[in-house]
Amino acid sequence: MSAAGQPTEKRFQHGKTDLCYFEWGNPADPTILMVHATGFHARCWDKTIAALPPDYHIIAVDQRGHGRSYKPDSLSDWSLMGRDVGALVTGLDLRHVIGVGHSMGAHALVQAAAIMPERFERLLLVDPTITDPDAYKNPPALSDIDPNNNPVSRRRNSWSSPEEMFAAFKDRHPFKLWRQDVLMDYCQYGLLPDDEDDNLVLACPPYLEASVYEGFRSLDPYPIVKKIELPTVILRAQMAGQDVESVRDFANSPTWPGLADIFPNAQELHIPELSHFMPMQAPERIAGYVANGLAMPV
């Protein structure tokens, strides 16, 4: 048996925070909170969730600016994503949470767990976007960040259907690395109706996605990381080569190789055969780490 099945779509509102989240299972069972990467959405976890054992209560959230959650003017301030996750955890009164975050979602989860460790049981950080400590020195002012400088801001934003988007992406790097059923979930749930015509637009607008990348230095995570005594597992993907194209390739890991040593209670597993998009490549394997930590065959 597994946690397969269609979830219930719900909303959480607290002040200016207006988040969509999806819920599977019985709230009386142990809770897994899943936080997606930049440009993605909650339903990118569907195939990982389907591979989990039964008897879990699962919540996957659309982060601000993503999926069906509200769209602010910018996502350059990474502290706001962490505050949202914390507000959701307290607002839903979640306890003994297994926190699972991918990429930027792992960064947001770390922020929340540092503020309210008593609500978490353990963390699984899937190739977190927590890079070399030197990268966070002398960050730019938020007012100086211009997402238009990032090429992601010019992504194609209009599609006739999820099938058209899938056909355009399936043979393109890095999407060709993904399992095709996961890519279809990304396309199916990653488009929303356009208010101006009959087409569909990306659920994370290109300008907002670009603002996340441009603002990654806005919050130094290392003072936060040092506070987290929760049992933590870090899955680290393939590393970039030395050439410029490799460094810019989103399939390569952004995770600093020394990160596990900064956490008071962390283990790292380096998985060089998988890319930064490991939940999209091997959802069953990631589900095993969610359920069992590193106590599973590798």
Protein backbone atom coordinates (compact mmCIF):
# COMPACT_ATOMS: atom_id res chain seq x y z
CA MET A 1 0.00 0.00 0.00
CA SER A 2 1.05 3.62 -0.44
CA ALA A 3 -0.07 7.18 0.11
CA ALA A 4 -1.44 7.31 -3.44
CA GLY A 5 -4.71 9.05 -4.26
CA GLN A 6 -5.94 12.52 -5.00
CA PRO A 7 -5.42 15.10 -2.27
CA THR A 8 -7.77 17.73 -0.93
CA GLU A 9 -6.94 21.26 -2.05
CA LYS A 10 -7.09 23.78 0.81
CA ARG A 11 -6.05 27.36 1.59
CA PHE A 12 -4.25 28.91 4.52
CA GLN A 13 -4.55 32.63 5.19
CA HIS A 14 -2.72 34.60 7.85
CA GLY A 15 -2.33 38.34 7.41
CA LYS A 16 -0.89 38.91 3.93
CA THR A 17 0.02 35.23 3.61
CA ASP A 18 -2.39 33.35 1.35
CA LEU A 19 -1.13 29.86 0.53
CA CYS A 20 -2.62 26.92 -1.30
CA TYR A 21 -1.75 23.50 0.05
CA PHE A 22 -2.72 19.91 -0.67
CA GLU A 23 -3.49 17.33 1.98
CA TRP A 24 -3.41 13.55 1.89
CA GLY A 25 -4.32 11.10 4.65
CA ASN A 26 -5.51 11.27 8.23
CA PRO A 27 -4.34 14.19 10.42
CA ALA A 28 -4.06 11.74 13.32
CA ASP A 29 -1.17 9.99 11.55
CA PRO A 30 2.45 11.25 11.49
CA THR A 31 2.75 14.39 9.39
CA ILE A 32 5.12 14.95 6.47
CA LEU A 33 5.42 18.55 5.26
CA MET A 34 6.81 18.88 1.73
CA VAL A 35 8.19 22.17 0.38
CA HIS A 36 9.04 22.42 -3.32
CA ALA A 37 11.85 24.11 -5.27
CA THR A 38 11.92 27.44 -7.12
CA GLY A 39 9.56 27.57 -10.11
CA PHE A 40 7.81 24.33 -9.12
CA HIS A 41 4.66 23.60 -7.14
CA ALA A 42 3.24 21.21 -4.57
CA ARG A 43 2.06 18.62 -7.07
CA CYS A 44 5.61 17.97 -8.27
CA TRP A 45 5.74 15.73 -5.17
CA ASP A 46 2.84 13.52 -6.33
CA LYS A 47 4.93 10.55 -7.46
CA THR A 48 7.12 10.71 -4.34
CA ILE A 49 3.99 10.78 -2.19
CA ALA A 50 2.49 7.84 -4.10
CA ALA A 51 5.57 5.79 -3.20
CA LEU A 52 5.37 6.47 0.55
CA PRO A 53 4.08 3.82 2.95
CA PRO A 54 0.48 4.19 4.19
CA ASP A 55 -0.50 5.85 7.46
CA TYR A 56 1.09 9.21 6.83
CA HIS A 57 -0.62 12.58 6.92
CA ILE A 58 0.96 14.61 4.12
CA ILE A 59 0.85 18.31 3.37
CA ALA A 60 2.49 19.75 0.26
CA VAL A 61 2.40 23.53 0.01
CA ASP A 62 2.56 25.91 -2.93
CA GLN A 63 5.05 28.51 -1.78
CA ARG A 64 4.23 32.20 -2.24
CA GLY A 65 4.36 33.20 -5.90
CA HIS A 66 4.06 29.56 -6.98
CA GLY A 67 1.24 27.23 -7.95
CA ARG A 68 -2.12 28.42 -6.69
CA SER A 69 -0.77 30.58 -3.89
CA TYR A 70 -0.88 34.37 -4.03
CA LYS A 71 1.49 36.31 -6.26
CA PRO A 72 3.45 39.13 -4.60
CA ASP A 73 5.43 41.70 -6.55
CA SER A 74 8.77 40.01 -5.84
CA LEU A 75 10.29 36.90 -4.27
CA SER A 76 13.76 38.35 -3.78
CA ASP A 77 13.55 38.25 0.03
CA TRP A 78 14.07 34.60 0.92
CA SER A 79 13.17 35.19 4.57
CA LEU A 80 9.52 35.58 3.56
CA MET A 81 9.33 32.01 2.26
CA GLY A 82 10.59 30.77 5.61
CA ARG A 83 8.05 32.88 7.46
CA ASP A 84 5.27 31.43 5.32
CA VAL A 85 6.28 27.87 6.15
CA GLY A 86 6.44 28.73 9.84
CA ALA A 87 3.03 30.40 9.73
CA LEU A 88 1.55 27.35 8.04
CA VAL A 89 3.01 24.97 10.62
CA THR A 90 1.70 26.99 13.56
CA GLY A 91 -1.60 27.90 11.87
CA LEU A 92 -2.42 24.24 11.20
CA ASP A 93 -0.98 23.27 14.61
CA LEU A 94 1.31 20.68 13.05
CA ARG A 95 3.45 18.70 15.49
CA HIS A 96 6.14 16.01 15.26
CA VAL A 97 6.59 17.00 11.62
CA ILE A 98 8.93 15.25 9.21
CA GLY A 99 10.05 18.23 7.14
CA VAL A 100 11.03 17.57 3.53
CA GLY A 101 12.37 20.42 1.39
CA HIS A 102 13.87 20.51 -2.09
CA SER A 103 16.32 23.21 -3.18
CA MET A 104 14.96 26.63 -2.16
CA GLY A 105 12.18 24.78 -0.33
CA ALA A 106 14.82 23.21 1.91
CA HIS A 107 16.15 26.70 2.71
CA ALA A 108 12.65 27.83 3.71
CA LEU A 109 12.16 24.71 5.81
CA VAL A 110 15.44 25.28 7.64
CA GLN A 111 14.29 28.79 8.52
CA ALA A 112 11.01 27.52 9.96
CA ALA A 113 12.60 24.64 11.88
CA ALA A 114 15.11 26.98 13.50
CA ILE A 115 12.29 29.13 14.87
CA MET A 116 10.06 26.28 16.08
CA PRO A 117 12.17 23.12 16.50
CA GLU A 118 9.67 21.73 19.00
CA ARG A 119 7.20 21.20 16.14
CA PHE A 120 9.55 19.07 14.04
CA GLU A 121 10.81 15.53 14.45
CA ARG A 122 13.49 15.52 11.75
CA LEU A 123 14.45 17.12 8.43
CA LEU A 124 15.25 15.77 4.99
CA LEU A 125 16.94 18.41 2.82
CA VAL A 126 17.00 17.39 -0.83
CA ASP A 127 19.92 19.18 -2.49
CA PRO A 128 19.29 22.41 -0.56
CA THR A 129 20.14 25.77 -2.06
CA ILE A 130 22.59 26.57 0.72
CA THR A 131 25.82 27.32 -1.03
CA ASP A 132 29.37 28.32 -0.08
CA PRO A 133 29.33 30.64 2.98
CA ASP A 134 31.40 33.22 1.11
CA ALA A 135 28.50 33.73 -1.33
CA TYR A 136 26.47 35.46 1.39
CA LYS A 137 29.04 38.13 2.19
CA ASN A 138 28.13 41.67 1.13
CA PRO A 139 24.70 40.85 -0.34
CA PRO A 140 23.00 43.45 -2.54
CA ALA A 141 20.21 45.55 -1.13
CA LEU A 142 16.80 44.16 -1.96
CA SER A 143 15.96 47.44 -3.65
CA ASP A 144 18.88 46.94 -6.05
CA ILE A 145 17.81 43.49 -7.25
CA ASP A 146 16.42 43.52 -10.79
CA PRO A 147 14.91 40.19 -11.94
CA ASN A 148 15.06 41.41 -15.54
CA ASN A 149 18.80 40.76 -15.38
CA ASN A 150 18.13 37.04 -15.08
CA PRO A 151 17.38 35.10 -18.31
CA VAL A 152 14.65 33.13 -16.51
CA SER A 153 12.54 36.31 -16.63
CA ARG A 154 12.24 35.74 -20.38
CA ARG A 155 10.88 32.21 -20.19
CA ARG A 156 7.97 31.40 -22.45
CA ASN A 157 4.84 32.08 -20.44
CA SER A 158 1.91 31.25 -22.73
CA TRP A 159 0.77 27.72 -23.54
CA SER A 160 -2.31 26.25 -25.18
CA SER A 161 -2.32 23.15 -22.96
CA PRO A 162 -0.23 21.07 -20.54
CA GLU A 163 0.33 18.64 -23.40
CA GLU A 164 1.94 21.37 -25.52
CA MET A 165 4.23 22.32 -22.64
CA PHE A 166 5.14 18.67 -22.05
CA ALA A 167 5.99 18.14 -25.72
CA ALA A 168 8.22 21.23 -25.71
CA PHE A 169 10.09 20.18 -22.56
CA LYS A 170 10.42 16.40 -22.69
CA ASP A 171 13.54 16.36 -24.88
CA ARG A 172 15.10 19.51 -23.43
CA HIS A 173 17.79 19.59 -20.76
CA PRO A 174 17.29 19.30 -17.80
CA PHE A 175 13.69 18.11 -18.20
CA LYS A 176 14.77 15.13 -20.29
CA LEU A 177 16.39 13.79 -17.11
CA TRP A 178 13.01 13.62 -15.39
CA ARG A 179 10.60 10.74 -15.35
CA GLN A 180 7.94 11.57 -17.87
CA ASP A 181 5.02 11.10 -15.45
CA VAL A 182 6.60 13.63 -13.08
CA LEU A 183 7.13 16.06 -15.95
CA MET A 184 3.46 15.67 -16.84
CA ASP A 185 2.50 16.55 -13.25
CA TYR A 186 4.73 19.63 -13.48
CA CYS A 187 2.98 20.73 -16.66
CA GLN A 188 -0.56 19.77 -15.68
CA TYR A 189 -0.54 21.58 -12.33
CA GLY A 190 1.96 24.27 -13.28
CA LEU A 191 -0.34 26.22 -15.60
CA LEU A 192 -3.22 28.54 -14.76
CA PRO A 193 -5.86 30.27 -16.92
CA ASP A 194 -4.74 33.56 -18.43
CA ASP A 195 -7.05 36.44 -17.50
CA GLU A 196 -6.51 38.08 -20.91
CA ASP A 197 -7.07 35.25 -23.41
CA ASP A 198 -7.86 31.55 -23.73
CA ASN A 199 -4.27 30.39 -23.20
CA LEU A 200 -2.60 29.17 -20.03
CA VAL A 201 0.27 30.85 -18.19
CA LEU A 202 2.93 29.55 -15.82
CA ALA A 203 1.73 29.27 -12.23
CA CYS A 204 5.05 30.78 -11.18
CA PRO A 205 5.40 33.83 -13.45
CA PRO A 206 8.86 34.09 -15.05
CA TYR A 207 9.54 37.47 -13.44
CA LEU A 208 8.86 36.05 -9.97
CA GLU A 209 10.96 32.95 -10.59
CA ALA A 210 13.82 35.17 -11.75
CA SER A 211 13.48 37.29 -8.60
CA VAL A 212 14.07 34.17 -6.47
CA TYR A 213 17.34 33.41 -8.26
CA GLU A 214 18.49 37.01 -8.10
CA GLY A 215 17.73 37.20 -4.37
CA PHE A 216 19.35 33.97 -3.18
CA ARG A 217 21.98 35.93 -1.25
CA SER A 218 19.34 37.97 0.62
CA LEU A 219 19.46 35.76 3.73
CA ASP A 220 22.61 34.12 5.10
CA PRO A 221 21.41 30.68 6.27
CA TYR A 222 24.49 29.74 8.25
CA PRO A 223 23.64 31.43 11.57
CA ILE A 224 20.28 29.62 11.30
CA VAL A 225 21.80 26.26 10.38
CA LYS A 226 24.03 26.30 13.46
CA LYS A 227 20.96 26.47 15.71
CA ILE A 228 19.22 23.36 14.36
CA GLU A 229 19.80 20.34 16.57
CA LEU A 230 17.10 18.24 14.91
CA PRO A 231 18.25 15.04 13.19
CA THR A 232 18.89 16.15 9.62
CA VAL A 233 19.68 14.23 6.44
CA ILE A 234 21.11 16.07 3.43
CA LEU A 235 20.92 14.51 -0.01
CA ARG A 236 23.50 16.12 -2.28
CA ALA A 237 23.43 15.66 -6.05
CA GLN A 238 26.06 15.80 -8.79
CA MET A 239 28.51 18.68 -8.60
CA ALA A 240 29.31 21.24 -11.29
CA GLY A 241 32.46 21.06 -13.36
CA GLN A 242 34.86 23.95 -13.78
CA ASP A 243 33.55 25.42 -17.04
CA VAL A 244 31.02 28.26 -17.08
CA GLU A 245 28.29 26.24 -18.76
CA SER A 246 28.49 23.54 -16.10
CA VAL A 247 28.31 26.06 -13.28
CA ARG A 248 25.19 27.61 -14.83
CA ASP A 249 23.51 24.25 -15.39
CA PHE A 250 20.54 23.97 -13.03
CA ALA A 251 20.96 20.18 -12.99
CA ASN A 252 24.10 20.56 -10.87
CA SER A 253 24.03 20.77 -7.09
CA PRO A 254 23.98 24.19 -5.38
CA THR A 255 24.70 22.57 -1.99
CA TRP A 256 28.00 23.41 -0.31
CA PRO A 257 29.85 20.12 0.32
CA GLY A 258 30.72 21.23 3.86
CA LEU A 259 27.12 21.96 4.88
CA ALA A 260 26.52 18.79 6.90
CA ASP A 261 29.42 19.69 9.18
CA ILE A 262 27.78 23.01 10.09
CA PHE A 263 24.58 21.39 11.33
CA PRO A 264 24.95 20.08 14.91
CA ASN A 265 23.24 16.78 14.02
CA ALA A 266 23.34 16.07 10.29
CA GLN A 267 24.32 13.29 7.91
CA GLU A 268 24.99 13.73 4.21
CA LEU A 269 24.54 11.29 1.36
CA HIS A 270 26.23 12.32 -1.88
CA ILE A 271 24.32 10.87 -4.86
CA PRO A 272 26.43 11.82 -7.91
CA GLU A 273 24.35 9.68 -10.28
CA LEU A 274 21.35 11.96 -9.74
CA SER A 275 20.96 15.62 -10.66
CA HIS A 276 19.63 18.51 -8.62
CA PHE A 277 16.19 17.31 -9.75
CA MET A 278 16.47 14.00 -7.92
CA PRO A 279 12.79 13.90 -6.78
CA MET A 280 11.84 14.15 -10.46
CA GLN A 281 14.27 11.41 -11.48
CA ALA A 282 13.86 8.88 -8.65
CA PRO A 283 10.68 9.59 -6.63
CA GLU A 284 10.56 6.10 -5.09
CA ARG A 285 14.13 6.45 -3.85
CA ILE A 286 13.39 9.85 -2.34
CA ALA A 287 10.25 8.42 -0.71
CA GLY A 288 12.44 5.81 0.95
CA TYR A 289 14.65 8.51 2.45
CA VAL A 290 11.57 10.44 3.58
CA ALA A 291 10.22 7.41 5.45
CA ASN A 292 13.48 5.90 6.70
CA GLY A 293 16.19 8.52 6.62
CA LEU A 294 19.43 6.84 5.63
CA ALA A 295 18.32 3.49 7.06
CA MET A 296 17.56 2.14 3.59
CA PRO A 297 19.67 0.45 0.94
CA VAL A 298 21.48 2.83 -1.43
